[in-house]
């Protein structure tokens, strides 16, 4: 999914995630940067558009996604938690290891947190849980494509992959929302915006852009 970076301010949020030091062992594979390497280099700046716009806002502890389409008079924030009708939910994601070796998002937000905390210990080896990544990323001096994070279950992943899982999940939620309306829209029908923490250096911002292209 291609998302254009703005001059702006996006943010991710997860709790108790540990930044793995360089001396520790990294995952036994290389990051999937085949797509990311094709990202066009564009200078940060403002862009004027009269089309459909979708924006993902990663906060320190929560996340939301908003959109505006042609003809709309105001921005709409998508409901992310149907149980309490919340438009902003905790930055928590629960992944499940599939039989083919791939990972699948099974829950997000407060639902992910509830599922993980109520999960039997025998299920932990098939699931991976992350929460409030951004808090630790802010303290990290060098956040880039090689940064590794450890989940609550002990699995190690490249940070760019974790962000990619979350961005894709949120993107799919929005597209599924429009598939049920009178004007179904595709990913490519939107100009995408992702907030990037202002304190990140060029490598960190580049990594966020790469995650959006994975």
Protein backbone atom coordinates (compact mmCIF):
# COMPACT_ATOMS: atom_id res chain seq x y z
CA UNK A 1 0.00 0.00 0.00
CA UNK A 2 1.49 3.29 -1.04
CA UNK A 3 1.17 6.13 1.39
CA UNK A 4 2.54 9.58 0.75
CA UNK A 5 4.46 11.21 3.57
CA UNK A 6 3.49 14.78 4.29
CA UNK A 7 5.43 17.54 5.96
CA UNK A 8 3.90 16.39 8.96
CA UNK A 9 3.26 14.63 12.01
CA UNK A 10 2.33 10.97 12.23
CA UNK A 11 3.00 8.78 15.13
CA UNK A 12 2.88 5.15 16.27
CA UNK A 13 2.25 4.02 19.79
CA UNK A 14 2.98 0.90 21.77
CA UNK A 15 3.89 0.10 25.30
CA UNK A 16 6.67 -1.95 26.89
CA UNK A 17 8.29 -2.83 23.58
CA UNK A 18 12.01 -3.24 23.94
CA UNK A 19 14.50 -1.85 21.46
CA UNK A 20 17.04 -4.62 20.98
CA UNK A 21 20.65 -3.52 21.28
CA UNK A 22 22.99 -4.13 18.35
CA UNK A 23 24.96 -6.74 20.28
CA UNK A 24 21.89 -8.97 20.58
CA UNK A 25 20.93 -11.44 17.93
CA UNK A 26 18.65 -10.12 15.21
CA UNK A 27 16.00 -12.15 13.35
CA UNK A 28 17.41 -14.89 11.12
CA UNK A 29 16.29 -13.18 7.92
CA UNK A 30 16.67 -9.90 6.11
CA UNK A 31 13.96 -7.23 5.97
CA UNK A 32 11.62 -7.45 2.93
CA UNK A 33 12.82 -4.28 1.25
CA UNK A 34 12.26 -5.31 -2.38
CA UNK A 35 9.24 -3.02 -2.64
CA UNK A 36 10.53 -0.36 -0.30
CA UNK A 37 13.67 0.26 -2.37
CA UNK A 38 11.47 1.53 -5.20
CA UNK A 39 10.11 4.40 -3.15
CA UNK A 40 10.58 7.70 -4.98
CA UNK A 41 12.62 10.24 -3.06
CA UNK A 42 10.54 13.34 -2.54
CA UNK A 43 11.29 16.38 -0.47
CA UNK A 44 8.93 17.01 2.43
CA UNK A 45 6.38 19.70 1.72
CA UNK A 46 2.73 20.57 1.42
CA UNK A 47 0.66 19.18 -1.39
CA UNK A 48 -2.64 20.54 -2.66
CA UNK A 49 -5.20 17.98 -3.80
CA UNK A 50 -8.89 17.97 -4.59
CA UNK A 51 -9.20 14.19 -4.41
CA UNK A 52 -9.89 11.69 -1.64
CA UNK A 53 -7.57 11.88 1.36
CA UNK A 54 -6.97 9.34 4.14
CA UNK A 55 -4.77 10.05 7.15
CA UNK A 56 -3.46 7.65 9.80
CA UNK A 57 -2.48 9.30 13.07
CA UNK A 58 -0.25 7.28 15.39
CA UNK A 59 -0.29 8.74 18.86
CA UNK A 60 1.88 7.90 21.85
CA UNK A 61 -0.75 5.58 23.28
CA UNK A 62 -3.48 5.45 20.66
CA UNK A 63 -4.21 5.55 16.96
CA UNK A 64 -6.94 6.85 14.66
CA UNK A 65 -7.69 7.13 10.97
CA UNK A 66 -9.64 9.91 9.26
CA UNK A 67 -10.74 10.59 5.70
CA UNK A 68 -12.46 13.04 3.41
CA UNK A 69 -13.77 12.24 -0.05
CA UNK A 70 -14.80 14.36 -3.00
CA UNK A 71 -17.92 16.30 -2.17
CA UNK A 72 -17.58 15.91 1.60
CA UNK A 73 -17.86 19.10 3.63
CA UNK A 74 -15.92 17.82 6.63
CA UNK A 75 -13.41 15.21 7.72
CA UNK A 76 -14.78 11.93 9.10
CA UNK A 77 -12.96 9.83 11.71
CA UNK A 78 -13.49 6.10 11.27
CA UNK A 79 -14.90 4.08 14.18
CA UNK A 80 -12.22 1.54 15.14
CA UNK A 81 -13.89 -0.11 18.14
CA UNK A 82 -17.47 -1.20 17.51
CA UNK A 83 -18.04 -2.23 21.12
CA UNK A 84 -17.74 1.27 22.57
CA UNK A 85 -17.92 3.20 19.28
CA UNK A 86 -14.44 4.65 19.76
CA UNK A 87 -12.68 6.42 16.91
CA UNK A 88 -9.36 6.28 18.73
CA UNK A 89 -8.03 3.02 20.17
CA UNK A 90 -4.93 1.86 22.06
CA UNK A 91 -1.89 1.11 19.93
CA UNK A 92 -1.90 -2.63 20.47
CA UNK A 93 -1.76 -5.35 17.84
CA UNK A 94 -2.04 -9.13 18.16
CA UNK A 95 -0.59 -11.29 15.39
CA UNK A 96 -1.04 -15.01 14.81
CA UNK A 97 1.48 -17.33 13.19
CA UNK A 98 -0.21 -19.14 10.31
CA UNK A 99 0.61 -22.70 9.22
CA UNK A 100 2.35 -21.37 6.10
CA UNK A 101 4.71 -19.31 8.25
CA UNK A 102 3.04 -15.98 7.54
CA UNK A 103 1.68 -13.62 10.17
CA UNK A 104 -1.90 -12.37 10.36
CA UNK A 105 -3.41 -9.56 12.42
CA UNK A 106 -6.18 -11.11 14.52
CA UNK A 107 -6.99 -8.14 16.76
CA UNK A 108 -6.16 -4.49 17.19
CA UNK A 109 -6.62 -1.86 19.88
CA UNK A 110 -8.29 -2.69 23.19
CA UNK A 111 -9.60 -5.96 21.75
CA UNK A 112 -6.04 -7.11 21.06
CA UNK A 113 -5.05 -6.24 24.61
CA UNK A 114 -8.00 -8.14 26.08
CA UNK A 115 -7.36 -11.21 23.93
CA UNK A 116 -3.68 -11.33 24.82
CA UNK A 117 -4.18 -10.86 28.57
CA UNK A 118 -6.87 -13.57 28.65
CA UNK A 119 -4.94 -15.98 26.45
CA UNK A 120 -3.81 -19.32 27.82
CA UNK A 121 -0.05 -19.76 28.15
CA UNK A 122 -0.23 -22.65 25.69
CA UNK A 123 -1.36 -20.20 22.99
CA UNK A 124 1.50 -17.74 23.42
CA UNK A 125 3.85 -19.59 21.07
CA UNK A 126 1.44 -19.09 18.17
CA UNK A 127 0.79 -15.40 18.82
CA UNK A 128 2.83 -12.20 18.85
CA UNK A 129 1.72 -9.11 20.75
CA UNK A 130 3.02 -5.53 20.49
CA UNK A 131 1.94 -2.42 22.33
CA UNK A 132 3.07 1.23 22.35
CA UNK A 133 6.13 0.98 20.13
CA UNK A 134 6.49 4.73 19.72
CA UNK A 135 7.37 5.44 23.35
CA UNK A 136 10.58 3.46 23.08
CA UNK A 137 11.29 4.62 19.55
CA UNK A 138 11.35 8.20 20.81
CA UNK A 139 14.20 7.34 23.14
CA UNK A 140 16.15 5.52 20.47
CA UNK A 141 18.84 7.73 18.92
CA UNK A 142 19.05 5.78 15.67
CA UNK A 143 15.72 4.45 14.37
CA UNK A 144 16.10 2.97 10.91
CA UNK A 145 15.35 -0.09 8.79
CA UNK A 146 17.64 -2.27 10.93
CA UNK A 147 15.97 -1.43 14.26
CA UNK A 148 14.64 -4.57 15.96
CA UNK A 149 11.86 -4.77 18.56
CA UNK A 150 10.88 -7.60 20.87
CA UNK A 151 7.26 -8.56 21.44
CA UNK A 152 5.64 -9.42 24.76
CA UNK A 153 5.97 -13.07 23.74
CA UNK A 154 9.71 -12.73 23.12
CA UNK A 155 9.68 -12.85 19.32
CA UNK A 156 11.99 -10.40 17.56
CA UNK A 157 10.91 -8.48 14.47
CA UNK A 158 12.25 -5.62 12.44
CA UNK A 159 10.43 -2.47 13.51
CA UNK A 160 9.60 -1.61 9.91
CA UNK A 161 7.69 -4.90 9.60
CA UNK A 162 5.63 -4.27 12.72
CA UNK A 163 4.69 -0.82 11.47
CA UNK A 164 3.81 -2.30 8.07
CA UNK A 165 1.43 -4.80 9.70
CA UNK A 166 -0.37 -1.98 11.49
CA UNK A 167 -0.56 0.35 8.50
CA UNK A 168 -1.97 -2.40 6.29
CA UNK A 169 -4.54 -3.37 8.89
CA UNK A 170 -5.78 0.21 9.25
CA UNK A 171 -5.79 0.70 5.50
CA UNK A 172 -7.88 -2.45 5.04
CA UNK A 173 -10.36 -1.25 7.67
CA UNK A 174 -10.96 1.95 5.74
CA UNK A 175 -11.28 0.22 2.37
CA UNK A 176 -13.68 -2.35 3.85
CA UNK A 177 -15.72 0.53 5.24
CA UNK A 178 -16.16 1.96 1.76
CA UNK A 179 -16.91 -1.46 0.24
CA UNK A 180 -20.17 -1.38 2.21
CA UNK A 181 -21.20 2.07 0.98
CA UNK A 182 -22.77 3.40 -2.19
CA UNK A 183 -19.38 4.62 -3.39
CA UNK A 184 -16.81 1.83 -2.94
CA UNK A 185 -13.25 3.12 -3.16
CA UNK A 186 -9.91 1.38 -3.61
CA UNK A 187 -6.56 2.07 -1.96
CA UNK A 188 -5.33 3.86 -5.07
CA UNK A 189 -8.33 6.21 -4.99
CA UNK A 190 -6.83 7.99 -1.97
CA UNK A 191 -3.90 10.25 -1.27
CA UNK A 192 -2.50 8.75 1.94
CA UNK A 193 -0.95 10.66 4.81
CA UNK A 194 0.92 9.20 7.78
CA UNK A 195 2.10 11.21 10.76
CA UNK A 196 5.81 10.99 11.52
CA UNK A 197 7.25 12.06 14.90
CA UNK A 198 8.99 15.41 14.47
CA UNK A 199 11.95 14.23 16.57
CA UNK A 200 12.85 11.47 14.10
CA UNK A 201 15.85 12.04 11.90
CA UNK A 202 15.86 11.39 8.16
CA UNK A 203 16.46 7.65 8.62
CA UNK A 204 13.47 7.25 10.91
CA UNK A 205 11.18 9.10 8.54
CA UNK A 206 12.53 7.07 5.66
CA UNK A 207 11.77 3.88 7.58
CA UNK A 208 8.15 4.93 8.12
CA UNK A 209 7.80 5.58 4.41
CA UNK A 210 9.34 2.18 3.64
CA UNK A 211 6.88 0.48 5.99
CA UNK A 212 4.00 2.05 4.10
CA UNK A 213 5.27 0.57 0.84
CA UNK A 214 5.70 -2.99 2.14
